[in-house]
Amino acid sequence: MTIAEDGGHRIDLAKTGPRRAAGRPVLVTLLATLVVSVLLYAMPAVDTGVTALFYQTGRGFAAEESGWLLVLREAGRAATWVLALAALVPILLKIASPDRVQGVDIRRPLFLGASLLAGPLLLVNLILKQHWGRARPNHVDLFGGSAHFTPPWIPADQCAANCSFVSGEASTAVLFMAFAVLAPGRWRLPAILAAAVWTVAISLNRVAFGAHFLSDVVIAWGLTLLVMFVMRDLFLVRMSPDQGRALDATLARFGRAVAARFRADR
């Protein structure tokens, strides 16, 4: 293990190297999201032009009547439970039956759960969608509604709640990239490709339905990936395997204490 001196402080280079590497995806994703946001704000015709591809005067958004596209949307909704269960079930098993899941690294479900809670739930659904007030395309006057079009990132008063900016379903879909992060090396690229195809399909489906502008889904991708990479840094890089095993032991003790209390009360 290499130790360097920096201003009188000893630095473990074996630890700082991976931490710096882990921070690169955060920086790249942040910069990419900023660039895309500026471009889509400066060129609102991109949003309206893409939406117009799916709109028919007098009929509206015909994709809403497509049976297989409706099935795809329901599959996207159901997939949210896959993410939630992948995070929650291992943690509950660590508490309820720790001896049966000793080989499960608790840092992984914590990474998934924290990414889901901080990204799609908190940032996207509870903050942006509830307070930014951007009208959905099918509510905008350009596409048969009565609200005014507003560009991304600009707080507006054209929607009261559950608004267009940003897309919750696109946010959840792109979070399947977290499984690619956890995949073994040889499966990582196929997992990334599968998650990318899934993300694009679910996201463009929402655009075709007139439920979101292109900027809503693309910016949702960036924000969610940003949160995901931050959580990866916190739980998979900065939290060591030894710290994960210590947390395992704490959850196991908690589970045994609850079970003992339950038996005593009976």
Protein backbone atom coordinates (compact mmCIF):
# COMPACT_ATOMS: atom_id res chain seq x y z
CA MET A 1 0.00 0.00 0.00
CA THR A 2 1.51 3.31 -1.05
CA ILE A 3 1.52 6.26 1.31
CA ALA A 4 2.35 9.81 0.22
CA GLU A 5 2.93 12.95 2.19
CA ASP A 6 0.85 16.05 1.39
CA GLY A 7 1.29 19.09 3.60
CA GLY A 8 2.23 16.92 6.56
CA HIS A 9 -0.78 14.62 6.08
CA ARG A 10 -0.42 10.96 5.13
CA ILE A 11 -2.54 9.92 2.14
CA ASP A 12 -3.45 6.37 1.25
CA LEU A 13 -3.05 6.37 -2.54
CA ALA A 14 -4.69 2.96 -2.87
CA LYS A 15 -7.91 4.50 -1.59
CA THR A 16 -7.74 7.97 -3.14
CA GLY A 17 -7.16 6.58 -6.65
CA PRO A 18 -10.47 4.67 -6.87
CA ARG A 19 -12.30 7.59 -5.25
CA ARG A 20 -11.04 10.01 -7.86
CA ALA A 21 -11.99 7.57 -10.61
CA ALA A 22 -15.46 7.16 -9.10
CA GLY A 23 -15.93 10.92 -9.19
CA ARG A 24 -15.38 11.15 -12.95
CA PRO A 25 -18.83 9.80 -13.95
CA VAL A 26 -20.42 12.33 -11.58
CA LEU A 27 -18.55 15.20 -13.22
CA VAL A 28 -19.17 13.96 -16.77
CA THR A 29 -22.89 13.43 -16.12
CA LEU A 30 -23.22 16.85 -14.49
CA LEU A 31 -21.53 18.59 -17.42
CA ALA A 32 -23.56 16.63 -19.99
CA THR A 33 -26.82 17.50 -18.21
CA LEU A 34 -25.87 21.17 -18.08
CA VAL A 35 -24.98 21.25 -21.79
CA VAL A 36 -28.18 19.46 -22.83
CA SER A 37 -30.26 21.73 -20.59
CA VAL A 38 -28.76 24.88 -22.09
CA LEU A 39 -29.23 23.64 -25.65
CA LEU A 40 -32.86 22.59 -25.14
CA TYR A 41 -33.61 25.85 -23.35
CA ALA A 42 -32.04 27.87 -26.17
CA MET A 43 -33.83 25.85 -28.89
CA PRO A 44 -37.45 25.38 -27.76
CA ALA A 45 -38.39 24.40 -31.31
CA VAL A 46 -36.72 21.04 -30.64
CA ASP A 47 -39.31 20.26 -27.96
CA THR A 48 -42.31 21.42 -29.97
CA GLY A 49 -41.00 19.92 -33.20
CA VAL A 50 -40.50 16.44 -31.76
CA THR A 51 -43.89 16.53 -30.06
CA ALA A 52 -45.53 17.62 -33.34
CA LEU A 53 -44.35 14.37 -34.94
CA PHE A 54 -46.84 12.48 -32.78
CA TYR A 55 -49.73 14.96 -32.88
CA GLN A 56 -52.60 14.91 -35.36
CA THR A 57 -54.96 17.87 -35.61
CA GLY A 58 -58.45 16.82 -34.60
CA ARG A 59 -57.28 13.49 -33.24
CA GLY A 60 -54.59 14.39 -30.75
CA PHE A 61 -51.90 11.88 -29.82
CA ALA A 62 -52.91 8.65 -31.56
CA ALA A 63 -50.30 6.62 -29.67
CA GLU A 64 -52.58 6.75 -26.64
CA GLU A 65 -54.90 4.36 -28.50
CA SER A 66 -52.20 1.81 -29.31
CA GLY A 67 -52.67 -1.37 -27.32
CA TRP A 68 -49.03 -2.47 -27.34
CA LEU A 69 -47.82 1.00 -26.36
CA LEU A 70 -50.23 0.95 -23.44
CA VAL A 71 -48.81 -2.44 -22.45
CA LEU A 72 -45.31 -0.97 -22.65
CA ARG A 73 -46.32 1.83 -20.31
CA GLU A 74 -47.74 -0.64 -17.79
CA ALA A 75 -44.52 -2.66 -18.04
CA GLY A 76 -42.60 0.49 -17.21
CA ARG A 77 -44.74 1.09 -14.16
CA ALA A 78 -44.32 -2.51 -13.01
CA ALA A 79 -40.55 -2.23 -13.44
CA THR A 80 -40.51 0.37 -10.68
CA TRP A 81 -41.43 -2.42 -8.28
CA VAL A 82 -38.51 -4.48 -9.57
CA LEU A 83 -36.15 -1.72 -8.50
CA ALA A 84 -37.86 -1.27 -5.15
CA LEU A 85 -37.90 -4.99 -4.35
CA ALA A 86 -34.27 -5.44 -5.46
CA ALA A 87 -33.33 -2.87 -2.85
CA LEU A 88 -35.79 -3.70 -0.08
CA VAL A 89 -35.90 -7.52 -0.02
CA PRO A 90 -32.17 -8.10 0.68
CA ILE A 91 -32.24 -5.53 3.48
CA LEU A 92 -35.30 -7.14 5.06
CA LEU A 93 -33.73 -10.59 4.75
CA LYS A 94 -30.58 -9.28 6.45
CA ILE A 95 -32.81 -8.34 9.39
CA ALA A 96 -35.24 -11.27 9.39
CA SER A 97 -32.93 -14.14 8.41
CA PRO A 98 -29.29 -13.01 8.31
CA ASP A 99 -27.84 -16.52 8.30
CA ARG A 100 -29.48 -17.27 4.94
CA VAL A 101 -28.10 -14.22 3.10
CA GLN A 102 -24.55 -14.02 4.41
CA GLY A 103 -23.14 -13.83 0.88
CA VAL A 104 -25.14 -10.72 -0.04
CA ASP A 105 -23.15 -7.47 0.12
CA ILE A 106 -25.46 -5.01 1.93
CA ARG A 107 -23.85 -2.10 0.12
CA ARG A 108 -25.51 -3.13 -3.15
CA PRO A 109 -29.16 -2.94 -2.05
CA LEU A 110 -28.34 0.24 -0.15
CA PHE A 111 -26.96 1.71 -3.39
CA LEU A 112 -30.11 0.72 -5.30
CA GLY A 113 -32.48 1.95 -2.60
CA ALA A 114 -30.72 5.27 -2.06
CA SER A 115 -30.60 5.89 -5.82
CA LEU A 116 -34.33 5.21 -6.15
CA LEU A 117 -35.32 7.32 -3.16
CA ALA A 118 -33.08 10.31 -3.86
CA GLY A 119 -33.56 10.31 -7.65
CA PRO A 120 -36.99 9.34 -9.01
CA LEU A 121 -38.87 9.75 -5.72
CA LEU A 122 -37.41 12.87 -4.09
CA LEU A 123 -35.74 14.98 -6.78
CA VAL A 124 -38.02 14.12 -9.69
CA ASN A 125 -41.48 13.44 -8.27
CA LEU A 126 -41.56 15.40 -5.03
CA ILE A 127 -39.50 18.46 -6.04
CA LEU A 128 -39.45 19.10 -9.78
CA LYS A 129 -42.77 17.62 -10.92
CA GLN A 130 -44.68 19.19 -8.05
CA HIS A 131 -43.18 22.68 -8.12
CA TRP A 132 -41.92 23.61 -11.60
CA GLY A 133 -45.37 24.08 -13.14
CA ARG A 134 -44.56 23.11 -16.72
CA ALA A 135 -47.65 21.99 -18.65
CA ARG A 136 -47.62 18.65 -20.38
CA PRO A 137 -47.67 18.72 -24.21
CA ASN A 138 -51.27 17.51 -24.42
CA HIS A 139 -52.31 20.47 -22.23
CA VAL A 140 -50.44 23.09 -24.30
CA ASP A 141 -52.34 25.28 -26.77
CA LEU A 142 -50.03 24.22 -29.60
CA PHE A 143 -51.40 20.69 -29.26
CA GLY A 144 -55.08 21.18 -28.51
CA GLY A 145 -54.89 22.34 -24.89
CA SER A 146 -55.18 25.73 -23.21
CA ALA A 147 -51.88 26.13 -21.34
CA HIS A 148 -48.82 27.98 -22.61
CA PHE A 149 -45.60 26.27 -23.62
CA THR A 150 -42.64 27.01 -21.34
CA PRO A 151 -39.01 25.92 -21.80
CA PRO A 152 -37.27 23.49 -19.43
CA TRP A 153 -35.90 24.64 -16.07
CA ILE A 154 -38.08 27.78 -16.02
CA PRO A 155 -40.59 27.72 -13.11
CA ALA A 156 -44.07 28.33 -14.50
CA ASP A 157 -47.70 28.46 -13.41
CA GLN A 158 -49.19 26.37 -16.22
CA CYS A 159 -49.67 23.23 -14.12
CA ALA A 160 -50.65 22.74 -10.49
CA ALA A 161 -49.17 19.31 -9.69
CA ASN A 162 -47.71 16.18 -11.31
CA CYS A 163 -46.44 18.34 -14.13
CA SER A 164 -44.32 17.71 -17.20
CA PHE A 165 -40.84 18.67 -15.95
CA VAL A 166 -39.27 16.17 -15.58
CA SER A 167 -40.48 12.69 -16.52
CA GLY A 168 -40.88 10.32 -13.59
CA GLU A 169 -41.16 7.24 -15.78
CA ALA A 170 -38.06 8.14 -17.79
CA SER A 171 -36.25 8.69 -14.49
CA THR A 172 -37.18 5.24 -13.21
CA ALA A 173 -36.37 3.60 -16.55
CA VAL A 174 -32.84 5.00 -16.72
CA LEU A 175 -32.17 3.87 -13.16
CA PHE A 176 -31.94 0.33 -14.52
CA MET A 177 -28.41 1.41 -15.39
CA ALA A 178 -27.74 0.71 -11.70
CA PHE A 179 -27.97 -3.01 -12.45
CA ALA A 180 -25.26 -2.53 -15.08
CA VAL A 181 -23.08 -0.89 -12.41
CA LEU A 182 -23.50 -3.99 -10.25
CA ALA A 183 -23.04 -6.50 -13.09
CA PRO A 184 -19.81 -8.55 -13.36
CA GLY A 185 -17.31 -7.25 -15.91
CA ARG A 186 -18.28 -9.52 -18.82
CA TRP A 187 -21.99 -8.79 -18.35
CA ARG A 188 -21.62 -5.04 -17.88
CA LEU A 189 -21.76 -3.99 -21.54
CA PRO A 190 -24.81 -6.19 -22.36
CA ALA A 191 -26.51 -4.83 -19.22
CA ILE A 192 -25.77 -1.25 -20.27
CA LEU A 193 -27.15 -1.88 -23.76
CA ALA A 194 -30.29 -3.56 -22.41
CA ALA A 195 -30.89 -0.72 -19.93
CA ALA A 196 -30.35 1.85 -22.70
CA VAL A 197 -32.88 0.20 -25.02
CA TRP A 198 -35.38 -0.04 -22.16
CA THR A 199 -34.85 3.61 -21.21
CA VAL A 200 -35.32 4.91 -24.75
CA ALA A 201 -38.43 2.78 -25.31
CA ILE A 202 -40.16 3.87 -22.10
CA SER A 203 -39.15 7.51 -22.53
CA LEU A 204 -40.15 7.91 -26.19
CA ASN A 205 -43.42 6.20 -25.34
CA ARG A 206 -44.19 9.08 -22.97
CA VAL A 207 -43.29 11.61 -25.68
CA ALA A 208 -45.54 9.80 -28.18
CA PHE A 209 -48.42 9.93 -25.70
CA GLY A 210 -48.09 13.71 -25.43
CA ALA A 211 -47.30 13.33 -21.73
CA HIS A 212 -43.77 14.77 -21.85
CA PHE A 213 -41.53 16.89 -24.04
CA LEU A 214 -38.21 15.53 -25.24
CA SER A 215 -36.39 17.77 -22.75
CA ASP A 216 -38.42 16.28 -19.89
CA VAL A 217 -37.11 12.80 -20.55
CA VAL A 218 -33.53 13.66 -21.54
CA ILE A 219 -32.98 15.90 -18.51
CA ALA A 220 -34.59 13.24 -16.31
CA TRP A 221 -31.95 10.81 -17.58
CA GLY A 222 -29.14 13.16 -16.67
CA LEU A 223 -30.43 14.03 -13.21
CA THR A 224 -31.13 10.41 -12.29
CA LEU A 225 -27.77 9.17 -13.52
CA LEU A 226 -26.12 11.98 -11.58
CA VAL A 227 -27.83 10.85 -8.38
CA MET A 228 -27.00 7.22 -9.16
CA PHE A 229 -23.28 7.93 -9.58
CA VAL A 230 -23.21 9.93 -6.35
CA MET A 231 -24.79 7.00 -4.51
CA ARG A 232 -22.35 4.62 -6.17
CA ASP A 233 -19.52 6.72 -4.80
CA LEU A 234 -21.03 6.79 -1.30
CA PHE A 235 -22.01 3.14 -0.95
CA LEU A 236 -19.73 1.17 -3.29
CA VAL A 237 -16.51 3.20 -3.17
CA ARG A 238 -16.30 5.17 0.07
CA MET A 239 -18.01 2.48 2.15
CA SER A 240 -15.45 -0.30 2.44
CA PRO A 241 -16.32 -4.03 2.46
CA ASP A 242 -15.38 -4.10 6.16
CA GLN A 243 -17.86 -1.30 6.87
CA GLY A 244 -20.47 -3.21 4.89
CA ARG A 245 -19.86 -6.33 6.98
CA ALA A 246 -20.12 -4.26 10.16
CA LEU A 247 -23.48 -2.94 8.98
CA ASP A 248 -24.50 -6.53 8.18
CA ALA A 249 -23.73 -7.49 11.76
CA THR A 250 -25.70 -4.53 13.10
CA LEU A 251 -28.77 -5.47 11.03
CA ALA A 252 -28.43 -9.10 12.15
CA ARG A 253 -28.30 -8.09 15.80
CA PHE A 254 -31.31 -5.86 15.32
CA GLY A 255 -33.24 -8.69 13.67
CA ARG A 256 -32.40 -11.16 16.43
CA ALA A 257 -33.37 -8.63 19.09
CA VAL A 258 -36.74 -8.01 17.41
CA ALA A 259 -37.33 -11.76 17.07
CA ALA A 260 -36.43 -12.36 20.71
CA ARG A 261 -38.74 -9.56 21.83
CA PHE A 262 -41.54 -10.97 19.71
CA ARG A 263 -41.11 -14.46 21.22
CA ALA A 264 -41.03 -12.98 24.73
CA ASP A 265 -44.26 -11.06 24.13
CA ARG A 266 -46.00 -14.22 23.00
